[in-house]
Structure formats: structure tokens, C-alpha cells
Protein backbone atom coordinates (compact mmCIF):
# COMPACT_ATOMS: atom_id res chain seq x y z
CA GLY A 1 0.00 0.00 0.00
CA ALA A 2 0.87 3.68 -0.10
CA PRO A 3 3.27 5.01 2.56
CA PRO A 4 1.78 7.15 5.37
CA ALA A 5 3.00 10.44 3.88
CA GLU A 6 1.20 9.71 0.63
CA ARG A 7 -2.01 8.66 2.38
CA LEU A 8 -2.06 11.83 4.49
CA ALA A 9 -1.42 14.01 1.45
CA VAL A 10 -3.96 12.30 -0.81
CA ASN A 11 -6.72 11.23 1.58
CA GLU A 12 -6.57 14.08 4.07
CA GLY A 13 -5.18 16.91 1.92
CA LEU A 14 -2.43 17.66 4.43
CA VAL A 15 1.16 18.76 4.01
CA CYS A 16 3.05 16.37 6.26
CA LEU A 17 6.50 15.55 7.54
CA LEU A 18 7.23 12.21 9.23
CA ALA A 19 10.37 11.36 11.21
CA ALA A 20 11.16 7.94 12.70
CA ASN A 21 14.18 6.64 14.55
CA THR A 22 15.51 3.09 14.24
CA PRO A 23 18.03 0.76 15.93
CA PRO A 24 21.71 1.78 15.74
CA TYR A 25 23.26 0.95 12.40
CA VAL A 26 24.83 4.25 11.32
CA ALA A 27 28.00 6.09 12.35
CA PRO A 28 28.08 9.89 12.18
CA HIS A 29 30.11 11.41 9.37
CA GLY A 30 33.76 11.13 10.33
CA GLY A 31 33.06 8.55 13.07
CA ARG A 32 32.89 4.78 13.34
CA GLU A 33 30.50 3.97 16.21
CA ARG A 34 26.85 3.09 15.63
CA LEU A 35 25.35 6.13 17.32
CA LEU A 36 22.49 6.74 14.86
CA GLY A 37 19.73 4.78 13.19
CA THR A 38 19.02 4.66 9.47
CA ASN A 39 16.31 7.13 10.55
CA PRO A 40 13.87 7.46 7.66
CA PHE A 41 11.89 10.61 7.03
CA ALA A 42 9.10 11.38 4.64
CA PHE A 43 7.31 14.36 3.16
CA GLY A 44 3.95 14.53 1.45
CA CYS A 45 2.22 17.40 -0.31
CA PRO A 46 -1.28 17.18 -1.80
CA GLY A 47 -1.82 18.10 -5.42
CA ALA A 48 -4.71 18.97 -7.68
CA PRO A 49 -7.15 16.15 -8.53
CA CYS A 50 -6.37 14.25 -11.71
CA ASP A 51 -9.42 14.34 -13.97
CA ASP A 52 -9.09 11.67 -16.66
CA GLY A 53 -12.53 12.30 -18.05
CA ALA A 54 -14.30 10.18 -15.47
CA GLU A 55 -14.16 10.92 -11.78
CA ALA A 56 -11.43 13.21 -10.51
CA GLU A 57 -9.11 11.44 -8.08
CA PRO A 58 -6.88 13.15 -5.49
CA GLN A 59 -3.19 13.04 -6.36
CA PRO A 60 -0.04 13.84 -4.43
CA ALA A 61 2.00 16.68 -5.89
CA PHE A 62 5.21 15.56 -4.25
CA VAL A 63 5.99 12.62 -1.95
CA PHE A 64 9.27 11.12 -0.83
CA ASP A 65 10.18 8.56 1.81
CA PHE A 66 13.75 7.45 2.40
CA ALA A 67 16.36 6.65 5.01
CA THR A 68 19.03 9.14 6.00
CA ALA A 69 21.66 6.40 5.63
CA ALA A 70 23.49 6.31 2.30
CA CYS A 71 21.59 3.11 1.49
CA ALA A 72 18.89 0.94 3.00
CA ARG A 73 20.24 -1.79 5.25
CA GLY A 74 18.40 -4.34 3.15
CA GLU A 75 20.45 -3.28 0.13
CA ILE A 76 23.65 -4.34 1.91
CA GLU A 77 22.15 -7.77 2.56
CA VAL A 78 21.07 -7.99 -1.10
CA ARG A 79 24.62 -7.20 -2.21
CA ARG A 80 26.02 -9.77 0.25
CA ARG A 81 23.79 -12.50 -1.09
CA ALA A 82 24.62 -11.56 -4.68
CA GLY A 83 28.35 -11.38 -3.98
CA THR A 84 28.65 -7.83 -5.32
CA PRO A 85 30.50 -4.93 -3.67
CA LEU A 86 28.88 -1.90 -2.10
CA ASP A 87 29.14 1.58 -3.56
CA SER A 88 31.88 3.78 -2.14
CA GLY A 89 30.80 5.90 0.82
CA TRP A 90 28.13 3.51 2.05
CA ALA A 91 29.87 2.00 5.07
CA VAL A 92 32.92 1.54 7.29
CA ASP A 93 34.25 -1.64 8.85
CA SER A 94 34.57 -2.24 12.60
CA SER A 95 37.86 -0.27 12.68
CA GLY A 96 36.28 2.74 10.97
CA ALA A 97 38.00 2.20 7.63
CA PRO A 98 35.88 2.67 4.47
CA THR A 99 34.72 -0.65 3.05
CA ARG A 100 32.86 -1.95 0.03
CA ALA A 101 32.59 -5.49 1.43
CA PRO A 102 29.00 -6.21 2.52
CA ALA A 103 30.01 -8.57 5.35
CA ALA A 104 32.46 -6.02 6.77
CA ALA A 105 29.81 -3.32 6.51
CA LEU A 106 27.30 -5.43 8.44
CA ASP A 107 29.90 -5.90 11.18
CA GLY A 108 30.85 -2.22 11.06
CA ALA A 109 28.52 0.71 10.47
CA GLN A 110 26.60 2.35 7.67
CA LEU A 111 27.22 5.97 6.80
CA PRO A 112 24.76 8.85 6.34
CA PHE A 113 24.00 10.20 2.89
CA GLY A 114 25.56 13.51 1.90
CA GLY A 115 28.51 13.57 4.28
CA HIS A 116 28.26 16.02 7.17
CA LYS A 117 24.96 17.45 5.88
CA GLY A 118 23.26 14.07 5.83
CA SER A 119 24.77 13.29 9.22
CA ALA A 120 23.12 16.41 10.63
CA VAL A 121 19.74 15.44 9.13
CA CYS A 122 20.10 11.92 10.55
CA ALA A 123 20.79 13.35 14.01
CA MET A 124 17.80 15.69 13.67
CA ILE A 125 15.53 12.71 12.93
CA GLU A 126 16.96 10.92 15.98
CA LEU A 127 15.86 13.84 18.14
CA LEU A 128 12.49 14.36 16.44
CA GLY A 129 11.57 10.68 16.28
CA GLY A 130 13.11 9.61 19.58
CA ALA A 131 14.12 12.17 22.19
CA LEU A 132 11.09 14.38 21.55
CA LEU A 133 8.75 11.49 22.32
CA GLY A 134 10.70 9.97 25.19
CA THR A 135 11.35 6.73 23.31
CA ASP A 136 14.71 5.01 22.98
CA LEU A 137 17.63 6.59 21.17
CA ALA A 138 20.22 4.62 19.25
CA ILE A 139 22.73 5.35 22.02
CA ASP A 140 20.40 3.68 24.53
CA CYS A 141 20.89 0.29 22.85
CA GLN A 142 23.71 -1.78 24.33
CA PRO A 143 25.77 -4.45 22.57
CA GLY A 144 23.86 -7.71 22.64
CA ASP A 145 20.44 -6.05 22.97
CA ALA A 146 17.71 -7.48 20.78
CA LEU A 147 17.19 -4.69 18.26
CA GLU A 148 13.50 -5.52 17.91
CA ASP A 149 13.07 -4.61 21.60
CA MET A 150 13.99 -0.97 20.97
CA ARG A 151 11.12 1.42 21.72
CA ARG A 152 11.03 3.42 18.50
CA GLY A 153 9.34 6.73 17.90
CA LEU A 154 7.45 8.34 15.04
CA THR A 155 6.72 12.06 14.89
CA ILE A 156 4.11 13.28 12.41
CA ILE A 157 3.79 16.99 11.67
CA ALA A 158 0.68 17.67 9.59
CA ILE A 159 -0.40 21.07 8.25
CA ASP A 160 -3.74 21.95 6.69
CA PRO A 161 -2.96 24.36 3.82
CA ALA A 162 -6.43 25.85 4.16
CA ALA A 163 -5.34 27.24 7.55
CA THR A 164 -2.12 28.82 6.33
CA THR A 165 -2.93 30.40 2.98
CA ASP A 166 -5.34 33.12 1.91
CA CYS A 167 -5.92 31.48 -1.46
CA GLY A 168 -7.53 28.33 -0.03
CA SER A 169 -6.71 24.65 -0.20
CA ALA A 170 -7.74 24.10 -3.83
CA SER A 171 -5.53 26.93 -5.06
CA PHE A 172 -2.61 25.64 -3.00
CA ARG A 173 -3.02 22.15 -4.46
CA GLN A 174 -3.02 23.55 -7.98
CA ARG A 175 0.12 25.61 -7.35
CA ALA A 176 1.84 22.60 -5.80
CA SER A 177 0.94 20.44 -8.81
CA THR A 178 2.14 23.12 -11.24
CA PHE A 179 5.45 23.29 -9.39
CA ALA A 180 5.86 19.50 -9.31
CA ASP A 181 4.95 19.19 -13.01
CA ALA A 182 7.64 21.75 -13.89
CA LEU A 183 10.18 19.63 -12.02
CA ARG A 184 8.94 16.46 -13.72
CA ALA A 185 9.15 18.00 -17.18
CA ASP A 186 12.73 19.13 -16.69
CA LEU A 187 13.80 15.83 -15.15
CA ALA A 188 12.06 13.80 -17.87
CA SER A 189 13.93 15.72 -20.57
CA CYS A 190 17.17 14.51 -18.95
CA GLY A 191 15.99 10.96 -18.28
CA GLY A 192 15.23 11.61 -14.60
CA ARG A 193 12.16 11.46 -12.38
CA LEU A 194 10.77 12.84 -9.15
CA PRO A 195 11.26 10.76 -5.99
CA GLY A 196 8.28 8.49 -5.41
CA ASP A 197 6.95 8.58 -8.97
CA ARG A 198 8.43 5.21 -10.00
CA ARG A 199 7.12 3.48 -6.88
CA ARG A 200 3.58 4.76 -7.49
CA GLN A 201 3.76 3.69 -11.14
CA HIS A 202 4.94 0.21 -10.14
CA ARG A 203 2.15 -0.05 -7.57
CA ARG A 204 -0.46 0.88 -10.17
CA GLU A 205 0.92 -1.73 -12.57
CA VAL A 206 0.95 -4.44 -9.90
CA ASP A 207 -2.60 -3.59 -8.82
CA ALA A 208 -3.72 -3.78 -12.45
CA GLY A 209 -2.00 -7.12 -12.97
CA GLU A 210 0.41 -5.61 -15.48
CA ARG A 211 3.58 -6.29 -13.51
CA ARG A 212 4.85 -9.30 -11.60
CA ILE A 213 7.45 -9.36 -8.88
CA GLU A 214 10.09 -11.89 -9.91
CA ILE A 215 12.65 -13.45 -7.58
CA SER A 216 15.45 -15.92 -8.22
CA ALA A 217 15.13 -19.63 -7.50
CA LYS A 218 17.97 -19.28 -4.98
CA LEU A 219 16.10 -16.60 -3.05
CA MET A 220 12.88 -18.61 -3.16
CA ALA A 221 14.71 -21.59 -1.67
CA GLU A 222 16.08 -19.39 1.11
CA ILE A 223 12.60 -18.02 1.84
CA GLU A 224 11.14 -21.53 2.02
CA GLU A 225 13.98 -22.65 4.30
CA GLN A 226 13.37 -19.70 6.61
CA MET A 227 9.64 -20.43 6.67
CA GLU A 228 10.34 -24.03 7.65
CA GLU A 229 12.67 -22.87 10.44
CA ASN A 230 10.07 -20.41 11.71
CA ALA A 231 7.36 -23.09 11.64
CA ALA A 232 9.57 -25.53 13.53
CA SER A 233 10.40 -22.94 16.20
CA THR A 234 6.71 -22.36 16.94
CA HIS A 235 6.01 -26.04 17.72
């Protein structure tokens, strides 16, 4: 289904910012200790309804949702299973040295995106999604702790554009869509796209039965093996 930021923007017509903290996987820029989470944040902005000749449907003008780490932790595991190296700048090993080896990265720490700027954003999300709510911070987790036991936080800031503009909600949505379309047009001319657009297109194709999700036989075997182990552990 759609991520929360998209649902708030489309269904409720709200401009929203979401910040969530996660278990410690990330070292601050220039460091080596896992003092931060991958700490995702999301933004959603409602757009003008899309009228395709039938019934107009609400549309988001701009939505993104991503971690403040240079890559998702799952991507490191995917690279490990495939036997392919990581991109430069994604991680350090346990000694703090840059590494492109997935196994060394999993033993070490991930890095924030964007160097010191991304590190600052990651720390901001830690405070918004954790300290502000009184939930656990990454630094509260001790070695050997079960990461799933961490009390995580989620801060949602939602703004009704009708309460902040003189032009009204409908006019705001139209302006937001015009702005986003200008970005899309420029990006499309260079082979690019807006964040979130590809995911929504894939979701529409899957829902319509036009796209299948294909996995390798090796991965399928690993999934079945894990399912058997999980079933055995419950008996």
C-alpha cells in the first residue's frame, strides 16, 4: 500500500513531515561507532485532482520517503547475497575504515547520505523521532540487545494548507501540482524522475496485474527454508 505520507497528502489533503528513529546501524560522518539509526523521514504534499474524463481522483504533488543512511540496510544484505561490492561511501568496517565489502559493513557501520549534511539530518531525525517522544535513542541500545526490543518513535507533523494560505486549499493544491509538473518536465527531458513517482507507477501496474514481482530460485529456496525454520520454532 501507499506510505503514510502519501495517504495523508492524498486522503486528508495535508502537508506532512514524518520522522522515525531506528536501531543503531549508522555512524556519524567522520566517526565509526553506531550512534544513529538509518532514521527514515518522509514528506507529502497534496496536489490537484487528476481528472481523466471520469471521476477526478486526489493526487499527491510531491511525496518522498527514504532513510538518512546512504543506502537501505536491506540493500547491503542484497549485495552480500549476490556477492557484489557496495558503492563507495556507504559503510565503514569495525575499525572505521571505508569498506565496500557487505560482510564487513554489516559488522561495522553504515554511513549517512551527503557527508556532514546528511549526518546532521540523521541526528535531527533521531531527536524528532526519539528524544522528543521519550522513546529510545540509538545510544540507549547496548551491545547484545535485541534490536526488535527498541522502543522506537514516530513524529508526524501535519499542516492543513487551508489554515495557512489566503488562497484556499484548492488553489494551493493547484500551485503545488504546477510546481511539481515543472520539475517532472525538466527531469524527464534529462531521463530523470521525481522521488516516489516510479514506486507509485509500479504499484499501479501491480494492482492492475500488469507487472509481476520476480525473484530468483535461490532466493525462493532461502525463503522456504526460513519459513520451515520459523514453523519448527513455533512447535
